[in-house]
Amino acid sequence: MKKQFLYLFLFIVFISCSDNVKFNNPAFEGQKDNLFWRAVNARASISAGGSLTIEAYTKNEVVTLKTSSTNAQTYPLGTSTSKMATYVLTGSNGAITFSTGIGIGNGEIVVEEYDAINNTVTGTFKFNAENNEIGSPEGAILNFQHGHFYKVPIVTNL
């Protein structure tokens, strides 16, 4: 009798377990000013000159990362306009833009993998971008850290 209860118990345990696995592929996320931030959509494009642009969207925010190529390497921010990060928040009072550029902000974009066969790009990022609006109610610096983009599709016809 004990064996029957054991088998019944094991049977119930096995049928009650389920795999509710949700994949976040593609993904673009990080910590914006120490709060978790995830894009609802992300896409990338490659210019005729070979530069890479990754755009990530929420309802009223856009994060744009630009690198000078698709090569797997680290691209420092705050040193040029060919490698930069931009964050735009659109609200009822218009758009507020934070960006890096020559001598503006800092950080890095790391392209870990450019998959030319599947047209995806994977990597990490972190940056401090400066507010371009004088007298804006938003802070002067926007901080993104622990950022990841995973298998973001490269769109060829934007």
N, C-alpha and C. Protein backbone atom coordinates (compact mmCIF):
# COMPACT_ATOMS: atom_id res chain seq x y z
N MET A 1 0.82 -1.19 0.00
CA MET A 1 0.00 0.00 0.00
C MET A 1 0.87 1.27 0.00
N LYS A 2 2.00 1.22 0.74
CA LYS A 2 2.88 2.38 0.79
C LYS A 2 3.47 2.67 -0.58
N LYS A 3 3.78 1.62 -1.34
CA LYS A 3 4.35 1.82 -2.67
C LYS A 3 3.34 2.50 -3.59
N GLN A 4 2.07 2.14 -3.47
CA GLN A 4 1.06 2.75 -4.31
C GLN A 4 0.92 4.24 -4.01
N PHE A 5 0.96 4.61 -2.75
CA PHE A 5 0.90 6.04 -2.40
C PHE A 5 2.15 6.77 -2.88
N LEU A 6 3.30 6.12 -2.81
CA LEU A 6 4.54 6.72 -3.29
C LEU A 6 4.46 6.95 -4.79
N TYR A 7 4.00 5.95 -5.54
CA TYR A 7 3.86 6.09 -6.99
C TYR A 7 2.83 7.16 -7.34
N LEU A 8 1.74 7.19 -6.61
CA LEU A 8 0.73 8.21 -6.84
C LEU A 8 1.28 9.60 -6.56
N PHE A 9 2.01 9.74 -5.48
CA PHE A 9 2.62 11.03 -5.12
C PHE A 9 3.61 11.46 -6.20
N LEU A 10 4.47 10.56 -6.65
CA LEU A 10 5.44 10.89 -7.69
C LEU A 10 4.75 11.25 -9.00
N PHE A 11 3.69 10.53 -9.32
CA PHE A 11 2.93 10.83 -10.53
C PHE A 11 2.36 12.24 -10.48
N ILE A 12 1.77 12.60 -9.36
CA ILE A 12 1.18 13.94 -9.20
C ILE A 12 2.26 15.02 -9.26
N VAL A 13 3.39 14.76 -8.65
CA VAL A 13 4.49 15.73 -8.68
C VAL A 13 4.95 15.96 -10.12
N PHE A 14 5.12 14.90 -10.89
CA PHE A 14 5.61 15.05 -12.25
C PHE A 14 4.61 15.72 -13.18
N ILE A 15 3.33 15.47 -13.02
CA ILE A 15 2.37 16.10 -13.92
C ILE A 15 2.05 17.54 -13.51
N SER A 16 2.33 17.89 -12.27
CA SER A 16 2.05 19.26 -11.85
C SER A 16 3.17 20.22 -12.21
N CYS A 17 4.33 19.71 -12.54
CA CYS A 17 5.45 20.57 -12.94
C CYS A 17 5.26 20.97 -14.40
N SER A 18 5.61 22.19 -14.69
CA SER A 18 5.53 22.64 -16.07
C SER A 18 6.72 23.54 -16.37
N ASP A 19 7.03 23.65 -17.63
CA ASP A 19 8.12 24.50 -18.06
C ASP A 19 7.53 25.75 -18.69
N ASN A 20 7.52 26.82 -17.94
CA ASN A 20 7.05 28.10 -18.46
C ASN A 20 8.27 28.96 -18.75
N VAL A 21 9.00 28.59 -19.78
CA VAL A 21 10.22 29.29 -20.15
C VAL A 21 9.86 30.36 -21.17
N LYS A 22 10.31 31.56 -20.90
CA LYS A 22 10.09 32.65 -21.82
C LYS A 22 11.44 33.16 -22.29
N PHE A 23 11.64 33.20 -23.59
CA PHE A 23 12.90 33.65 -24.14
C PHE A 23 12.79 35.12 -24.50
N ASN A 24 13.82 35.85 -24.19
CA ASN A 24 13.89 37.26 -24.52
C ASN A 24 14.91 37.40 -25.65
N ASN A 25 14.45 37.05 -26.84
CA ASN A 25 15.34 37.00 -27.98
C ASN A 25 14.63 37.65 -29.16
N PRO A 26 14.99 38.78 -29.66
CA PRO A 26 16.14 39.56 -29.27
C PRO A 26 15.90 40.34 -27.98
N ALA A 27 16.97 40.85 -27.41
CA ALA A 27 16.86 41.58 -26.16
C ALA A 27 17.73 42.83 -26.19
N PHE A 28 17.27 43.86 -25.50
CA PHE A 28 18.04 45.08 -25.29
C PHE A 28 17.61 45.59 -23.93
N GLU A 29 18.52 45.56 -22.96
CA GLU A 29 18.17 45.96 -21.60
C GLU A 29 19.40 46.44 -20.85
N GLY A 30 19.15 47.09 -19.73
CA GLY A 30 20.21 47.58 -18.87
C GLY A 30 19.63 48.30 -17.66
N GLN A 31 20.48 49.00 -16.96
CA GLN A 31 20.03 49.80 -15.82
C GLN A 31 20.18 51.27 -16.17
N LYS A 32 19.04 51.95 -16.23
CA LYS A 32 19.02 53.39 -16.51
C LYS A 32 18.89 54.10 -15.18
N ASP A 33 19.90 54.84 -14.80
CA ASP A 33 19.92 55.54 -13.50
C ASP A 33 19.55 54.58 -12.37
N ASN A 34 20.17 53.41 -12.38
CA ASN A 34 20.04 52.36 -11.36
C ASN A 34 18.67 51.68 -11.31
N LEU A 35 17.85 51.85 -12.33
CA LEU A 35 16.56 51.15 -12.42
C LEU A 35 16.57 50.29 -13.68
N PHE A 36 16.00 49.08 -13.58
CA PHE A 36 15.98 48.18 -14.72
C PHE A 36 15.20 48.80 -15.88
N TRP A 37 15.77 48.69 -17.08
CA TRP A 37 15.14 49.24 -18.28
C TRP A 37 15.23 48.19 -19.38
N ARG A 38 14.10 47.92 -20.04
CA ARG A 38 14.08 46.95 -21.14
C ARG A 38 13.31 47.54 -22.31
N ALA A 39 13.88 47.41 -23.48
CA ALA A 39 13.21 47.87 -24.70
C ALA A 39 12.13 46.87 -25.08
N VAL A 40 11.06 47.37 -25.69
CA VAL A 40 10.02 46.49 -26.20
C VAL A 40 10.32 46.08 -27.64
N ASN A 41 11.21 46.81 -28.30
CA ASN A 41 11.60 46.50 -29.66
C ASN A 41 13.01 47.03 -29.89
N ALA A 42 13.79 46.29 -30.66
CA ALA A 42 15.14 46.74 -31.01
C ALA A 42 15.46 46.28 -32.42
N ARG A 43 16.26 47.09 -33.10
CA ARG A 43 16.70 46.74 -34.45
C ARG A 43 18.04 47.42 -34.71
N ALA A 44 18.74 46.90 -35.68
CA ALA A 44 20.05 47.45 -36.04
C ALA A 44 20.11 47.65 -37.54
N SER A 45 21.04 48.48 -37.96
CA SER A 45 21.26 48.69 -39.39
C SER A 45 22.74 48.96 -39.61
N ILE A 46 23.17 48.69 -40.83
CA ILE A 46 24.56 48.94 -41.22
C ILE A 46 24.54 49.93 -42.37
N SER A 47 25.30 51.01 -42.23
CA SER A 47 25.34 52.03 -43.27
C SER A 47 26.20 51.56 -44.44
N ALA A 48 26.15 52.29 -45.53
CA ALA A 48 26.97 51.97 -46.70
C ALA A 48 28.45 52.02 -46.36
N GLY A 49 28.83 52.85 -45.39
CA GLY A 49 30.23 52.95 -44.98
C GLY A 49 30.65 51.88 -43.99
N GLY A 50 29.71 51.04 -43.53
CA GLY A 50 30.04 49.95 -42.63
C GLY A 50 29.79 50.23 -41.17
N SER A 51 29.28 51.42 -40.83
CA SER A 51 29.01 51.71 -39.42
C SER A 51 27.72 51.02 -38.97
N LEU A 52 27.67 50.70 -37.69
CA LEU A 52 26.55 49.97 -37.09
C LEU A 52 25.72 50.92 -36.24
N THR A 53 24.41 50.88 -36.38
CA THR A 53 23.49 51.65 -35.55
C THR A 53 22.47 50.70 -34.96
N ILE A 54 22.34 50.73 -33.62
CA ILE A 54 21.37 49.90 -32.93
C ILE A 54 20.36 50.83 -32.26
N GLU A 55 19.08 50.60 -32.49
CA GLU A 55 18.03 51.42 -31.89
C GLU A 55 17.12 50.53 -31.06
N ALA A 56 16.81 50.99 -29.85
CA ALA A 56 15.93 50.26 -28.93
C ALA A 56 14.82 51.21 -28.49
N TYR A 57 13.60 50.68 -28.44
CA TYR A 57 12.42 51.51 -28.21
C TYR A 57 11.58 51.04 -27.03
N THR A 58 10.99 52.01 -26.32
CA THR A 58 9.86 51.78 -25.44
C THR A 58 8.76 52.70 -25.97
N LYS A 59 7.70 52.86 -25.19
CA LYS A 59 6.59 53.70 -25.65
C LYS A 59 7.03 55.13 -25.95
N ASN A 60 7.86 55.70 -25.08
CA ASN A 60 8.25 57.11 -25.27
C ASN A 60 9.76 57.33 -25.14
N GLU A 61 10.56 56.27 -25.30
CA GLU A 61 12.01 56.40 -25.19
C GLU A 61 12.69 55.69 -26.37
N VAL A 62 13.83 56.24 -26.78
CA VAL A 62 14.65 55.62 -27.81
C VAL A 62 16.10 55.70 -27.36
N VAL A 63 16.78 54.55 -27.35
CA VAL A 63 18.21 54.50 -27.10
C VAL A 63 18.87 54.13 -28.41
N THR A 64 19.87 54.91 -28.82
CA THR A 64 20.59 54.65 -30.07
C THR A 64 22.06 54.49 -29.76
N LEU A 65 22.65 53.39 -30.22
CA LEU A 65 24.08 53.14 -30.08
C LEU A 65 24.68 53.12 -31.48
N LYS A 66 25.79 53.84 -31.67
CA LYS A 66 26.46 53.87 -32.97
C LYS A 66 27.91 53.48 -32.79
N THR A 67 28.39 52.62 -33.69
CA THR A 67 29.80 52.26 -33.74
C THR A 67 30.31 52.50 -35.15
N SER A 68 31.61 52.56 -35.30
CA SER A 68 32.19 52.86 -36.60
C SER A 68 32.28 51.63 -37.51
N SER A 69 32.05 50.42 -36.95
CA SER A 69 32.06 49.20 -37.76
C SER A 69 31.32 48.09 -37.03
N THR A 70 31.25 46.93 -37.64
CA THR A 70 30.62 45.78 -37.02
C THR A 70 31.65 44.83 -36.40
N ASN A 71 32.91 45.22 -36.41
CA ASN A 71 33.96 44.36 -35.86
C ASN A 71 33.74 44.11 -34.38
N ALA A 72 34.04 42.89 -33.94
CA ALA A 72 33.93 42.54 -32.52
C ALA A 72 35.08 43.20 -31.77
N GLN A 73 34.77 44.28 -31.06
CA GLN A 73 35.76 45.04 -30.31
C GLN A 73 35.05 46.03 -29.38
N THR A 74 35.82 46.76 -28.60
CA THR A 74 35.29 47.78 -27.69
C THR A 74 35.39 49.14 -28.36
N TYR A 75 34.29 49.87 -28.36
CA TYR A 75 34.23 51.20 -28.96
C TYR A 75 34.05 52.22 -27.83
N PRO A 76 35.06 53.06 -27.55
CA PRO A 76 34.93 54.05 -26.48
C PRO A 76 34.00 55.19 -26.89
N LEU A 77 33.24 55.68 -25.92
CA LEU A 77 32.31 56.79 -26.16
C LEU A 77 32.88 58.08 -25.59
N GLY A 78 32.46 59.19 -26.13
CA GLY A 78 32.93 60.49 -25.67
C GLY A 78 34.18 60.95 -26.38
N THR A 79 34.55 60.25 -27.45
CA THR A 79 35.78 60.58 -28.17
C THR A 79 35.54 61.00 -29.62
N SER A 80 34.36 60.68 -30.16
CA SER A 80 34.07 61.03 -31.55
C SER A 80 32.56 61.00 -31.79
N THR A 81 32.17 61.41 -32.99
CA THR A 81 30.75 61.34 -33.35
C THR A 81 30.45 60.06 -34.14
N SER A 82 31.48 59.30 -34.51
CA SER A 82 31.24 58.03 -35.20
C SER A 82 30.95 56.91 -34.22
N LYS A 83 31.26 57.13 -32.95
CA LYS A 83 30.95 56.18 -31.88
C LYS A 83 30.23 56.97 -30.80
N MET A 84 28.93 56.75 -30.66
CA MET A 84 28.19 57.54 -29.69
C MET A 84 26.92 56.82 -29.23
N ALA A 85 26.38 57.31 -28.12
CA ALA A 85 25.12 56.81 -27.56
C ALA A 85 24.18 58.00 -27.39
N THR A 86 22.91 57.77 -27.67
CA THR A 86 21.89 58.81 -27.54
C THR A 86 20.66 58.22 -26.87
N TYR A 87 20.05 59.00 -25.98
CA TYR A 87 18.80 58.63 -25.33
C TYR A 87 17.83 59.78 -25.53
N VAL A 88 16.64 59.49 -26.05
CA VAL A 88 15.63 60.52 -26.28
C VAL A 88 14.36 60.12 -25.54
N LEU A 89 13.88 61.02 -24.68
CA LEU A 89 12.63 60.85 -23.94
C LEU A 89 11.63 61.83 -24.51
N THR A 90 10.52 61.32 -25.03
CA THR A 90 9.49 62.16 -25.61
C THR A 90 8.31 62.22 -24.64
N GLY A 91 7.94 63.43 -24.26
CA GLY A 91 6.82 63.63 -23.35
C GLY A 91 5.87 64.67 -23.90
N SER A 92 4.93 65.09 -23.06
CA SER A 92 3.94 66.07 -23.49
C SER A 92 4.56 67.44 -23.77
N ASN A 93 5.75 67.69 -23.18
CA ASN A 93 6.43 68.98 -23.39
C ASN A 93 7.48 68.91 -24.48
N GLY A 94 7.52 67.82 -25.25
CA GLY A 94 8.51 67.69 -26.32
C GLY A 94 9.53 66.62 -25.98
N ALA A 95 10.65 66.66 -26.67
CA ALA A 95 11.68 65.64 -26.51
C ALA A 95 12.87 66.18 -25.73
N ILE A 96 13.42 65.34 -24.87
CA ILE A 96 14.65 65.66 -24.13
C ILE A 96 15.70 64.67 -24.59
N THR A 97 16.87 65.18 -24.99
CA THR A 97 17.91 64.34 -25.55
C THR A 97 19.16 64.35 -24.68
N PHE A 98 19.67 63.16 -24.40
CA PHE A 98 20.95 62.97 -23.73
C PHE A 98 21.87 62.29 -24.75
N SER A 99 23.13 62.71 -24.83
CA SER A 99 24.01 62.08 -25.81
C SER A 99 25.47 62.16 -25.38
N THR A 100 26.27 61.36 -26.06
CA THR A 100 27.72 61.43 -25.93
C THR A 100 28.24 62.02 -27.24
N GLY A 101 29.48 62.45 -27.23
CA GLY A 101 30.10 63.02 -28.44
C GLY A 101 31.53 63.36 -28.13
N ILE A 102 32.12 64.22 -28.92
CA ILE A 102 33.51 64.61 -28.72
C ILE A 102 33.60 65.41 -27.41
N GLY A 103 34.25 64.83 -26.41
CA GLY A 103 34.40 65.48 -25.12
C GLY A 103 33.11 65.55 -24.31
N ILE A 104 32.08 64.86 -24.73
CA ILE A 104 30.78 64.87 -24.05
C ILE A 104 30.46 63.45 -23.59
N GLY A 105 30.29 63.26 -22.30
CA GLY A 105 29.95 61.95 -21.76
C GLY A 105 31.10 60.96 -21.91
N ASN A 106 30.80 59.70 -21.52
CA ASN A 106 31.80 58.64 -21.63
C ASN A 106 31.09 57.30 -21.59
N GLY A 107 31.87 56.25 -21.76
CA GLY A 107 31.33 54.90 -21.72
C GLY A 107 31.93 54.04 -22.81
N GLU A 108 31.25 52.94 -23.12
CA GLU A 108 31.74 52.04 -24.16
C GLU A 108 30.61 51.18 -24.71
N ILE A 109 30.79 50.79 -25.94
CA ILE A 109 29.93 49.81 -26.60
C ILE A 109 30.86 48.66 -26.98
N VAL A 110 30.50 47.46 -26.58
CA VAL A 110 31.31 46.28 -26.91
C VAL A 110 30.49 45.40 -27.85
N VAL A 111 30.94 45.27 -29.08
CA VAL A 111 30.32 44.34 -30.01
C VAL A 111 31.01 43.00 -29.79
N GLU A 112 30.26 42.03 -29.27
CA GLU A 112 30.82 40.71 -28.99
C GLU A 112 30.69 39.78 -30.18
N GLU A 113 29.57 39.91 -30.92
CA GLU A 113 29.36 39.03 -32.06
C GLU A 113 28.51 39.72 -33.11
N TYR A 114 29.04 39.75 -34.32
CA TYR A 114 28.26 40.17 -35.47
C TYR A 114 28.05 38.92 -36.31
N ASP A 115 26.81 38.46 -36.41
CA ASP A 115 26.48 37.25 -37.15
C ASP A 115 25.95 37.65 -38.52
N ALA A 116 26.83 37.60 -39.52
CA ALA A 116 26.46 38.01 -40.87
C ALA A 116 25.52 37.01 -41.53
N ILE A 117 25.53 35.77 -41.09
CA ILE A 117 24.66 34.76 -41.68
C ILE A 117 23.21 34.96 -41.24
N ASN A 118 23.00 35.13 -39.92
CA ASN A 118 21.65 35.34 -39.38
C ASN A 118 21.27 36.81 -39.26
N ASN A 119 22.17 37.71 -39.63
CA ASN A 119 21.95 39.16 -39.56
C ASN A 119 21.54 39.61 -38.16
N THR A 120 22.37 39.30 -37.16
CA THR A 120 22.13 39.75 -35.79
C THR A 120 23.42 40.29 -35.20
N VAL A 121 23.27 41.05 -34.11
CA VAL A 121 24.43 41.59 -33.40
C VAL A 121 24.19 41.43 -31.91
N THR A 122 25.27 41.09 -31.17
CA THR A 122 25.21 40.86 -29.73
C THR A 122 26.36 41.61 -29.07
N GLY A 123 26.10 42.17 -27.88
CA GLY A 123 27.16 42.86 -27.16
C GLY A 123 26.68 43.49 -25.87
N THR A 124 27.51 44.39 -25.34
CA THR A 124 27.20 45.08 -24.09
C THR A 124 27.45 46.58 -24.27
N PHE A 125 26.96 47.36 -23.30
CA PHE A 125 27.19 48.81 -23.34
C PHE A 125 27.05 49.40 -21.95
N LYS A 126 27.66 50.56 -21.78
CA LYS A 126 27.47 51.41 -20.60
C LYS A 126 27.87 52.81 -21.02
N PHE A 127 27.16 53.80 -20.49
CA PHE A 127 27.51 55.17 -20.84
C PHE A 127 26.91 56.17 -19.86
N ASN A 128 27.54 57.34 -19.81
CA ASN A 128 27.04 58.54 -19.16
C ASN A 128 26.83 59.56 -20.27
N ALA A 129 25.59 59.97 -20.48
CA ALA A 129 25.26 60.92 -21.54
C ALA A 129 24.81 62.22 -20.91
N GLU A 130 25.13 63.32 -21.58
CA GLU A 130 24.78 64.65 -21.06
C GLU A 130 23.50 65.15 -21.69
N ASN A 131 22.71 65.89 -20.87
CA ASN A 131 21.46 66.48 -21.30
C ASN A 131 21.77 67.65 -22.23
N ASN A 132 21.15 67.64 -23.41
CA ASN A 132 21.38 68.71 -24.38
C ASN A 132 20.46 69.91 -24.18
N GLU A 133 19.48 69.81 -23.29
CA GLU A 133 18.50 70.87 -23.08
C GLU A 133 18.89 71.72 -21.86
N ILE A 134 19.13 72.97 -22.06
CA ILE A 134 19.46 73.88 -20.97
C ILE A 134 18.18 74.20 -20.20
N GLY A 135 18.21 74.09 -18.88
CA GLY A 135 17.05 74.38 -18.05
C GLY A 135 16.00 73.28 -18.05
N SER A 136 16.37 72.09 -18.48
CA SER A 136 15.43 70.96 -18.53
C SER A 136 15.13 70.45 -17.13
N PRO A 137 13.90 69.95 -16.88
CA PRO A 137 13.59 69.39 -15.57
C PRO A 137 14.29 68.06 -15.31
N GLU A 138 14.78 67.40 -16.36
CA GLU A 138 15.53 66.16 -16.20
C GLU A 138 16.93 66.50 -15.71
N GLY A 139 17.64 65.51 -15.19
CA GLY A 139 18.99 65.72 -14.69
C GLY A 139 19.96 66.06 -15.80
N ALA A 140 21.16 66.45 -15.40
CA ALA A 140 22.19 66.83 -16.37
C ALA A 140 22.87 65.62 -16.99
N ILE A 141 22.94 64.51 -16.25
CA ILE A 141 23.61 63.30 -16.72
C ILE A 141 22.65 62.11 -16.64
N LEU A 142 22.64 61.30 -17.68
CA LEU A 142 21.88 60.05 -17.70
C LEU A 142 22.89 58.91 -17.68
N ASN A 143 22.70 57.95 -16.78
CA ASN A 143 23.62 56.84 -16.64
C ASN A 143 22.96 55.54 -17.06
N PHE A 144 23.57 54.85 -18.00
CA PHE A 144 23.17 53.49 -18.37
C PHE A 144 24.33 52.58 -18.00
N GLN A 145 24.04 51.49 -17.30
CA GLN A 145 25.08 50.53 -16.94
C GLN A 145 24.53 49.12 -17.08
N HIS A 146 25.41 48.16 -17.11
CA HIS A 146 25.05 46.74 -17.23
C HIS A 146 24.13 46.50 -18.43
N GLY A 147 24.37 47.22 -19.52
CA GLY A 147 23.54 47.09 -20.71
C GLY A 147 23.94 45.89 -21.56
N HIS A 148 22.93 45.23 -22.12
CA HIS A 148 23.14 44.07 -22.99
C HIS A 148 22.22 44.19 -24.19
N PHE A 149 22.75 43.86 -25.34
CA PHE A 149 21.89 43.66 -26.51
C PHE A 149 22.24 42.28 -27.06
N TYR A 150 21.20 41.48 -27.30
CA TYR A 150 21.39 40.08 -27.65
C TYR A 150 20.61 39.74 -28.92
N LYS A 151 21.35 39.33 -29.93
CA LYS A 151 20.77 38.90 -31.20
C LYS A 151 19.76 39.91 -31.75
N VAL A 152 20.13 41.18 -31.72
CA VAL A 152 19.28 42.24 -32.28
C VAL A 152 19.34 42.10 -33.81
N PRO A 153 18.18 42.01 -34.46
CA PRO A 153 18.17 41.80 -35.91
C PRO A 153 18.66 43.04 -36.67
N ILE A 154 19.40 42.77 -37.72
CA ILE A 154 19.89 43.83 -38.58
C ILE A 154 18.91 43.95 -39.75
N VAL A 155 18.29 45.11 -39.84
CA VAL A 155 17.29 45.36 -40.87
C VAL A 155 18.01 46.01 -42.06
N THR A 156 17.76 45.48 -43.24
CA THR A 156 18.49 45.99 -44.40
C THR A 156 17.79 47.13 -45.12
N ASN A 157 16.47 47.21 -45.04
CA ASN A 157 15.75 48.28 -45.75
C ASN A 157 14.96 49.12 -44.76
N LEU A 158 15.62 50.15 -44.23
CA LEU A 158 14.95 51.08 -43.30
C LEU A 158 14.36 52.24 -44.05
